[in-house]
Amino acid sequence: MREKKLLSVIRKYLLAAGCCAVFGIVYEFFSHEVYTPYMYLSCLIPLVGGTVPYLIIHMARAPLPAPLSTVLYACGIAT
């Protein structure tokens, strides 16, 4: 159960990072040469903030964080 939950969370953050990357590429294409680092680096927020910590938890076999902590952390990454 623990493995499935962790891998599910990792997949969700990877999907979010991919969506942000696609959005950044589309933004660059239609931006009329107006570039902002936040837009083309926005994919790093869910990747570094979400995928990497949960991947470390998975690889280190550390205990899962409490559900409330997980939800609050996800809200922080989303904003």
PDB file of N, CA and C in Angstrom:
ATOM      1  N   MET A   1       0.829  -1.197   0.000  1.00  0.00           N
ATOM      2  CA  MET A   1       0.000   0.000   0.000  1.00  0.00           C
ATOM      3  C   MET A   1       0.876   1.264   0.000  1.00  0.00           C
ATOM      4  N   ARG A   2       1.923   1.249   0.798  1.00  0.00           N
ATOM      5  CA  ARG A   2       2.810   2.399   0.890  1.00  0.00           C
ATOM      6  C   ARG A   2       3.467   2.691  -0.449  1.00  0.00           C
ATOM      7  N   GLU A   3       3.939   1.638  -1.115  1.00  0.00           N
ATOM      8  CA  GLU A   3       4.602   1.797  -2.415  1.00  0.00           C
ATOM      9  C   GLU A   3       3.645   2.384  -3.447  1.00  0.00           C
ATOM     10  N   LYS A   4       2.417   1.874  -3.479  1.00  0.00           N
ATOM     11  CA  LYS A   4       1.433   2.365  -4.453  1.00  0.00           C
ATOM     12  C   LYS A   4       1.131   3.838  -4.218  1.00  0.00           C
ATOM     13  N   LYS A   5       0.970   4.209  -2.954  1.00  0.00           N
ATOM     14  CA  LYS A   5       0.646   5.605  -2.646  1.00  0.00           C
ATOM     15  C   LYS A   5       1.795   6.531  -3.041  1.00  0.00           C
ATOM     16  N   LEU A   6       3.010   6.155  -2.689  1.00  0.00           N
ATOM     17  CA  LEU A   6       4.163   6.991  -3.030  1.00  0.00           C
ATOM     18  C   LEU A   6       4.335   7.114  -4.537  1.00  0.00           C
ATOM     19  N   LEU A   7       4.237   6.001  -5.246  1.00  0.00           N
ATOM     20  CA  LEU A   7       4.392   6.056  -6.699  1.00  0.00           C
ATOM     21  C   LEU A   7       3.278   6.863  -7.349  1.00  0.00           C
ATOM     22  N   SER A   8       2.079   6.802  -6.779  1.00  0.00           N
ATOM     23  CA  SER A   8       0.968   7.603  -7.298  1.00  0.00           C
ATOM     24  C   SER A   8       1.245   9.099  -7.116  1.00  0.00           C
ATOM     25  N   VAL A   9       1.744   9.471  -5.955  1.00  0.00           N
ATOM     26  CA  VAL A   9       2.061  10.882  -5.692  1.00  0.00           C
ATOM     27  C   VAL A   9       3.192  11.345  -6.610  1.00  0.00           C
ATOM     28  N   ILE A  10       4.211  10.503  -6.785  1.00  0.00           N
ATOM     29  CA  ILE A  10       5.329  10.852  -7.664  1.00  0.00           C
ATOM     30  C   ILE A  10       4.836  11.053  -9.090  1.00  0.00           C
ATOM     31  N   ARG A  11       3.960  10.153  -9.556  1.00  0.00           N
ATOM     32  CA  ARG A  11       3.410  10.285 -10.917  1.00  0.00           C
ATOM     33  C   ARG A  11       2.608  11.570 -11.069  1.00  0.00           C
ATOM     34  N   LYS A  12       1.833  11.925 -10.050  1.00  0.00           N
ATOM     35  CA  LYS A  12       1.020  13.145 -10.124  1.00  0.00           C
ATOM     36  C   LYS A  12       1.899  14.393 -10.230  1.00  0.00           C
ATOM     37  N   TYR A  13       2.961  14.442  -9.441  1.00  0.00           N
ATOM     38  CA  TYR A  13       3.858  15.597  -9.520  1.00  0.00           C
ATOM     39  C   TYR A  13       4.611  15.625 -10.844  1.00  0.00           C
ATOM     40  N   LEU A  14       4.983  14.461 -11.372  1.00  0.00           N
ATOM     41  CA  LEU A  14       5.626  14.421 -12.689  1.00  0.00           C
ATOM     42  C   LEU A  14       4.665  14.893 -13.775  1.00  0.00           C
ATOM     43  N   LEU A  15       3.402  14.490 -13.669  1.00  0.00           N
ATOM     44  CA  LEU A  15       2.393  14.943 -14.628  1.00  0.00           C
ATOM     45  C   LEU A  15       2.201  16.456 -14.532  1.00  0.00           C
ATOM     46  N   ALA A  16       2.160  16.973 -13.311  1.00  0.00           N
ATOM     47  CA  ALA A  16       2.028  18.424 -13.130  1.00  0.00           C
ATOM     48  C   ALA A  16       3.230  19.157 -13.719  1.00  0.00           C
ATOM     49  N   ALA A  17       4.426  18.601 -13.531  1.00  0.00           N
ATOM     50  CA  ALA A  17       5.628  19.219 -14.101  1.00  0.00           C
ATOM     51  C   ALA A  17       5.572  19.188 -15.622  1.00  0.00           C
ATOM     52  N   GLY A  18       5.102  18.082 -16.183  1.00  0.00           N
ATOM     53  CA  GLY A  18       4.967  17.984 -17.637  1.00  0.00           C
ATOM     54  C   GLY A  18       3.960  18.979 -18.182  1.00  0.00           C
ATOM     55  N   CYS A  19       2.830  19.123 -17.489  1.00  0.00           N
ATOM     56  CA  CYS A  19       1.815  20.094 -17.924  1.00  0.00           C
ATOM     57  C   CYS A  19       2.362  21.519 -17.859  1.00  0.00           C
ATOM     58  N   CYS A  20       3.103  21.824 -16.807  1.00  0.00           N
ATOM     59  CA  CYS A  20       3.711  23.158 -16.706  1.00  0.00           C
ATOM     60  C   CYS A  20       4.730  23.387 -17.813  1.00  0.00           C
ATOM     61  N   ALA A  21       5.481  22.342 -18.158  1.00  0.00           N
ATOM     62  CA  ALA A  21       6.466  22.470 -19.239  1.00  0.00           C
ATOM     63  C   ALA A  21       5.772  22.721 -20.571  1.00  0.00           C
ATOM     64  N   VAL A  22       4.699  21.986 -20.844  1.00  0.00           N
ATOM     65  CA  VAL A  22       3.949  22.188 -22.094  1.00  0.00           C
ATOM     66  C   VAL A  22       3.353  23.590 -22.119  1.00  0.00           C
ATOM     67  N   PHE A  23       2.789  24.024 -20.996  1.00  0.00           N
ATOM     68  CA  PHE A  23       2.224  25.365 -20.926  1.00  0.00           C
ATOM     69  C   PHE A  23       3.303  26.421 -21.173  1.00  0.00           C
ATOM     70  N   GLY A  24       4.490  26.218 -20.604  1.00  0.00           N
ATOM     71  CA  GLY A  24       5.593  27.155 -20.819  1.00  0.00           C
ATOM     72  C   GLY A  24       6.031  27.210 -22.271  1.00  0.00           C
ATOM     73  N   ILE A  25       6.054  26.047 -22.937  1.00  0.00           N
ATOM     74  CA  ILE A  25       6.430  26.002 -24.356  1.00  0.00           C
ATOM     75  C   ILE A  25       5.403  26.739 -25.202  1.00  0.00           C
ATOM     76  N   VAL A  26       4.123  26.506 -24.929  1.00  0.00           N
ATOM     77  CA  VAL A  26       3.062  27.197 -25.674  1.00  0.00           C
ATOM     78  C   VAL A  26       3.130  28.697 -25.402  1.00  0.00           C
ATOM     79  N   TYR A  27       3.394  29.069 -24.158  1.00  0.00           N
ATOM     80  CA  TYR A  27       3.522  30.485 -23.808  1.00  0.00           C
ATOM     81  C   TYR A  27       4.668  31.132 -24.589  1.00  0.00           C
ATOM     82  N   GLU A  28       5.800  30.450 -24.655  1.00  0.00           N
ATOM     83  CA  GLU A  28       6.948  30.982 -25.399  1.00  0.00           C
ATOM     84  C   GLU A  28       6.614  31.154 -26.881  1.00  0.00           C
ATOM     85  N   PHE A  29       5.843  30.234 -27.414  1.00  0.00           N
ATOM     86  CA  PHE A  29       5.500  30.282 -28.834  1.00  0.00           C
ATOM     87  C   PHE A  29       4.603  31.471 -29.162  1.00  0.00           C
ATOM     88  N   PHE A  30       3.644  31.771 -28.279  1.00  0.00           N
ATOM     89  CA  PHE A  30       2.673  32.830 -28.541  1.00  0.00           C
ATOM     90  C   PHE A  30       2.949  34.124 -27.774  1.00  0.00           C
ATOM     91  N   SER A  31       4.122  34.289 -27.181  1.00  0.00           N
ATOM     92  CA  SER A  31       4.353  35.430 -26.295  1.00  0.00           C
ATOM     93  C   SER A  31       4.849  36.683 -26.998  1.00  0.00           C
ATOM     94  N   HIS A  32       4.999  36.659 -28.313  1.00  0.00           N
ATOM     95  CA  HIS A  32       5.494  37.818 -29.058  1.00  0.00           C
ATOM     96  C   HIS A  32       6.841  38.281 -28.516  1.00  0.00           C
ATOM     97  N   GLU A  33       7.701  37.330 -28.244  1.00  0.00           N
ATOM     98  CA  GLU A  33       9.061  37.552 -27.755  1.00  0.00           C
ATOM     99  C   GLU A  33       9.114  38.266 -26.408  1.00  0.00           C
ATOM    100  N   VAL A  34       8.111  38.018 -25.583  1.00  0.00           N
ATOM    101  CA  VAL A  34       8.122  38.487 -24.206  1.00  0.00           C
ATOM    102  C   VAL A  34       8.398  37.258 -23.348  1.00  0.00           C
ATOM    103  N   TYR A  35       9.540  37.230 -22.689  1.00  0.00           N
ATOM    104  CA  TYR A  35       9.944  36.052 -21.930  1.00  0.00           C
ATOM    105  C   TYR A  35      10.027  36.380 -20.452  1.00  0.00           C
ATOM    106  N   THR A  36       9.629  35.451 -19.641  1.00  0.00           N
ATOM    107  CA  THR A  36       9.757  35.595 -18.207  1.00  0.00           C
ATOM    108  C   THR A  36      10.283  34.279 -17.636  1.00  0.00           C
ATOM    109  N   PRO A  37      11.257  34.349 -16.759  1.00  0.00           N
ATOM    110  CA  PRO A  37      11.807  33.111 -16.197  1.00  0.00           C
ATOM    111  C   PRO A  37      10.759  32.279 -15.459  1.00  0.00           C
ATOM    112  N   TYR A  38       9.785  32.950 -14.847  1.00  0.00           N
ATOM    113  CA  TYR A  38       8.768  32.193 -14.118  1.00  0.00           C
ATOM    114  C   TYR A  38       7.998  31.261 -15.053  1.00  0.00           C
ATOM    115  N   MET A  39       7.746  31.690 -16.260  1.00  0.00           N
ATOM    116  CA  MET A  39       6.964  30.856 -17.176  1.00  0.00           C
ATOM    117  C   MET A  39       7.770  29.688 -17.717  1.00  0.00           C
ATOM    118  N   TYR A  40       9.020  29.901 -18.094  1.00  0.00           N
ATOM    119  CA  TYR A  40       9.741  28.772 -18.670  1.00  0.00           C
ATOM    120  C   TYR A  40      10.427  27.913 -17.611  1.00  0.00           C
ATOM    121  N   LEU A  41      10.465  28.370 -16.381  1.00  0.00           N
ATOM    122  CA  LEU A  41      10.999  27.542 -15.298  1.00  0.00           C
ATOM    123  C   LEU A  41       9.906  27.047 -14.352  1.00  0.00           C
ATOM    124  N   SER A  42       8.648  27.306 -14.682  1.00  0.00           N
ATOM    125  CA  SER A  42       7.555  26.908 -13.793  1.00  0.00           C
ATOM    126  C   SER A  42       7.444  25.399 -13.634  1.00  0.00           C
ATOM    127  N   CYS A  43       7.965  24.642 -14.578  1.00  0.00           N
ATOM    128  CA  CYS A  43       7.905  23.187 -14.459  1.00  0.00           C
ATOM    129  C   CYS A  43       8.819  22.671 -13.346  1.00  0.00           C
ATOM    130  N   LEU A  44       9.773  23.490 -12.908  1.00  0.00           N
ATOM    131  CA  LEU A  44      10.678  23.058 -11.839  1.00  0.00           C
ATOM    132  C   LEU A  44      10.007  23.062 -10.468  1.00  0.00           C
ATOM    133  N   ILE A  45       8.944  23.833 -10.306  1.00  0.00           N
ATOM    134  CA  ILE A  45       8.277  23.914  -9.004  1.00  0.00           C
ATOM    135  C   ILE A  45       7.698  22.558  -8.602  1.00  0.00           C
ATOM    136  N   PRO A  46       6.834  21.929  -9.415  1.00  0.00           N
ATOM    137  CA  PRO A  46       6.352  20.605  -9.006  1.00  0.00           C
ATOM    138  C   PRO A  46       7.422  19.522  -9.110  1.00  0.00           C
ATOM    139  N   LEU A  47       8.390  19.716  -9.986  1.00  0.00           N
ATOM    140  CA  LEU A  47       9.431  18.700 -10.139  1.00  0.00           C
ATOM    141  C   LEU A  47      10.344  18.667  -8.913  1.00  0.00           C
ATOM    142  N   VAL A  48      10.897  19.819  -8.554  1.00  0.00           N
ATOM    143  CA  VAL A  48      11.824  19.878  -7.422  1.00  0.00           C
ATOM    144  C   VAL A  48      11.076  19.874  -6.092  1.00  0.00           C
ATOM    145  N   GLY A  49       9.958  20.563  -6.038  1.00  0.00           N
ATOM    146  CA  GLY A  49       9.220  20.654  -4.783  1.00  0.00           C
ATOM    147  C   GLY A  49       8.347  19.462  -4.475  1.00  0.00           C
ATOM    148  N   GLY A  50       7.939  18.724  -5.490  1.00  0.00           N
ATOM    149  CA  GLY A  50       7.038  17.605  -5.254  1.00  0.00           C
ATOM    150  C   GLY A  50       7.641  16.253  -5.540  1.00  0.00           C
ATOM    151  N   THR A  51       8.197  16.085  -6.722  1.00  0.00           N
ATOM    152  CA  THR A  51       8.706  14.776  -7.118  1.00  0.00           C
ATOM    153  C   THR A  51       9.941  14.386  -6.319  1.00  0.00           C
ATOM    154  N   VAL A  52      10.890  15.278  -6.196  1.00  0.00           N
ATOM    155  CA  VAL A  52      12.166  14.946  -5.548  1.00  0.00           C
ATOM    156  C   VAL A  52      11.990  14.544  -4.079  1.00  0.00           C
ATOM    157  N   PRO A  53      11.236  15.297  -3.254  1.00  0.00           N
ATOM    158  CA  PRO A  53      11.088  14.864  -1.857  1.00  0.00           C
ATOM    159  C   PRO A  53      10.415  13.495  -1.716  1.00  0.00           C
ATOM    160  N   TYR A  54       9.381  13.255  -2.516  1.00  0.00           N
ATOM    161  CA  TYR A  54       8.702  11.964  -2.415  1.00  0.00           C
ATOM    162  C   TYR A  54       9.554  10.840  -2.989  1.00  0.00           C
ATOM    163  N   LEU A  55      10.379  11.134  -3.962  1.00  0.00           N
ATOM    164  CA  LEU A  55      11.308  10.136  -4.485  1.00  0.00           C
ATOM    165  C   LEU A  55      12.359   9.789  -3.426  1.00  0.00           C
ATOM    166  N   ILE A  56      12.810  10.779  -2.688  1.00  0.00           N
ATOM    167  CA  ILE A  56      13.760  10.524  -1.596  1.00  0.00           C
ATOM    168  C   ILE A  56      13.103   9.681  -0.507  1.00  0.00           C
ATOM    169  N   ILE A  57      11.857  10.002  -0.154  1.00  0.00           N
ATOM    170  CA  ILE A  57      11.130   9.197   0.833  1.00  0.00           C
ATOM    171  C   ILE A  57      10.997   7.760   0.346  1.00  0.00           C
ATOM    172  N   HIS A  58      10.691   7.594  -0.929  1.00  0.00           N
ATOM    173  CA  HIS A  58      10.532   6.257  -1.507  1.00  0.00           C
ATOM    174  C   HIS A  58      11.845   5.488  -1.482  1.00  0.00           C
ATOM    175  N   MET A  59      12.930   6.130  -1.877  1.00  0.00           N
ATOM    176  CA  MET A  59      14.220   5.440  -1.952  1.00  0.00           C
ATOM    177  C   MET A  59      14.812   5.170  -0.566  1.00  0.00           C
ATOM    178  N   ALA A  60      14.570   6.050   0.389  1.00  0.00           N
ATOM    179  CA  ALA A  60      15.110   5.886   1.736  1.00  0.00           C
ATOM    180  C   ALA A  60      14.227   5.000   2.607  1.00  0.00           C
ATOM    181  N   ARG A  61      13.089   4.618   2.084  1.00  0.00           N
ATOM    182  CA  ARG A  61      12.124   3.811   2.841  1.00  0.00           C
ATOM    183  C   ARG A  61      11.730   4.499   4.154  1.00  0.00           C
ATOM    184  N   ALA A  62      11.651   5.801   4.100  1.00  0.00           N
ATOM    185  CA  ALA A  62      11.256   6.592   5.266  1.00  0.00           C
ATOM    186  C   ALA A  62       9.745   6.482   5.457  1.00  0.00           C
ATOM    187  N   PRO A  63       9.264   6.726   6.663  1.00  0.00           N
ATOM    188  CA  PRO A  63       7.814   6.669   6.881  1.00  0.00           C
ATOM    189  C   PRO A  63       7.099   7.789   6.127  1.00  0.00           C
ATOM    190  N   LEU A  64       5.866   7.512   5.758  1.00  0.00           N
ATOM    191  CA  LEU A  64       5.064   8.513   5.054  1.00  0.00           C
ATOM    192  C   LEU A  64       4.715   9.662   5.990  1.00  0.00           C
ATOM    193  N   PRO A  65       4.649  10.875   5.473  1.00  0.00           N
ATOM    194  CA  PRO A  65       4.196  11.988   6.308  1.00  0.00           C
ATOM    195  C   PRO A  65       2.713  11.825   6.650  1.00  0.00           C
ATOM    196  N   ALA A  66       2.289  12.506   7.684  1.00  0.00           N
ATOM    197  CA  ALA A  66       0.880  12.461   8.080  1.00  0.00           C
ATOM    198  C   ALA A  66       0.013  13.027   6.959  1.00  0.00           C
ATOM    199  N   PRO A  67      -1.236  12.538   6.837  1.00  0.00           N
ATOM    200  CA  PRO A  67      -2.105  13.017   5.750  1.00  0.00           C
ATOM    201  C   PRO A  67      -2.299  14.537   5.743  1.00  0.00           C
ATOM    202  N   LEU A  68      -2.449  15.139   6.915  1.00  0.00           N
ATOM    203  CA  LEU A  68      -2.621  16.593   6.971  1.00  0.00           C
ATOM    204  C   LEU A  68      -1.369  17.304   6.453  1.00  0.00           C
ATOM    205  N   SER A  69      -0.215  16.807   6.819  1.00  0.00           N
ATOM    206  CA  SER A  69       1.036  17.394   6.331  1.00  0.00           C
ATOM    207  C   SER A  69       1.142  17.285   4.822  1.00  0.00           C
ATOM    208  N   THR A  70       0.735  16.137   4.284  1.00  0.00           N
ATOM    209  CA  THR A  70       0.789  15.924   2.843  1.00  0.00           C
ATOM    210  C   THR A  70      -0.123  16.897   2.108  1.00  0.00           C
ATOM    211  N   VAL A  71      -1.328  17.092   2.632  1.00  0.00           N
ATOM    212  CA  VAL A  71      -2.289  17.997   1.993  1.00  0.00           C
ATOM    213  C   VAL A  71      -1.794  19.444   2.058  1.00  0.00           C
ATOM    214  N   LEU A  72      -1.293  19.852   3.208  1.00  0.00           N
ATOM    215  CA  LEU A  72      -0.792  21.222   3.342  1.00  0.00           C
ATOM    216  C   LEU A  72       0.429  21.454   2.460  1.00  0.00           C
ATOM    217  N   TYR A  73       1.286  20.456   2.339  1.00  0.00           N
ATOM    218  CA  TYR A  73       2.462  20.574   1.478  1.00  0.00           C
ATOM    219  C   TYR A  73       2.037  20.701   0.019  1.00  0.00           C
ATOM    220  N   ALA A  74       1.049  19.908  -0.390  1.00  0.00           N
ATOM    221  CA  ALA A  74       0.550  19.981  -1.768  1.00  0.00           C
ATOM    222  C   ALA A  74      -0.061  21.353  -2.053  1.00  0.00           C
ATOM    223  N   CYS A  75      -0.754  21.920  -1.078  1.00  0.00           N
ATOM    224  CA  CYS A  75      -1.307  23.269  -1.254  1.00  0.00           C
ATOM    225  C   CYS A  75      -0.192  24.298  -1.410  1.00  0.00           C
ATOM    226  N   GLY A  76       0.877  24.130  -0.666  1.00  0.00           N
ATOM    227  CA  GLY A  76       2.012  25.037  -0.793  1.00  0.00           C
ATOM    228  C   GLY A  76       2.673  24.943  -2.152  1.00  0.00           C
ATOM    229  N   ILE A  77       2.795  23.742  -2.686  1.00  0.00           N
ATOM    230  CA  ILE A  77       3.381  23.559  -4.014  1.00  0.00           C
ATOM    231  C   ILE A  77       2.450  24.143  -5.079  1.00  0.00           C
ATOM    232  N   ALA A  78       1.150  23.998  -4.891  1.00  0.00           N
ATOM    233  CA  ALA A  78       0.185  24.480  -5.881  1.00  0.00           C
ATOM    234  C   ALA A  78       0.160  26.004  -5.967  1.00  0.00           C
ATOM    235  N   THR A  79       0.511  26.671  -4.887  1.00  0.00           N
ATOM    236  CA  THR A  79       0.491  28.128  -4.931  1.00  0.00           C
ATOM    237  C   THR A  79       1.868  28.612  -5.241  1.00  0.00           C
TER     238      THR A  79
END
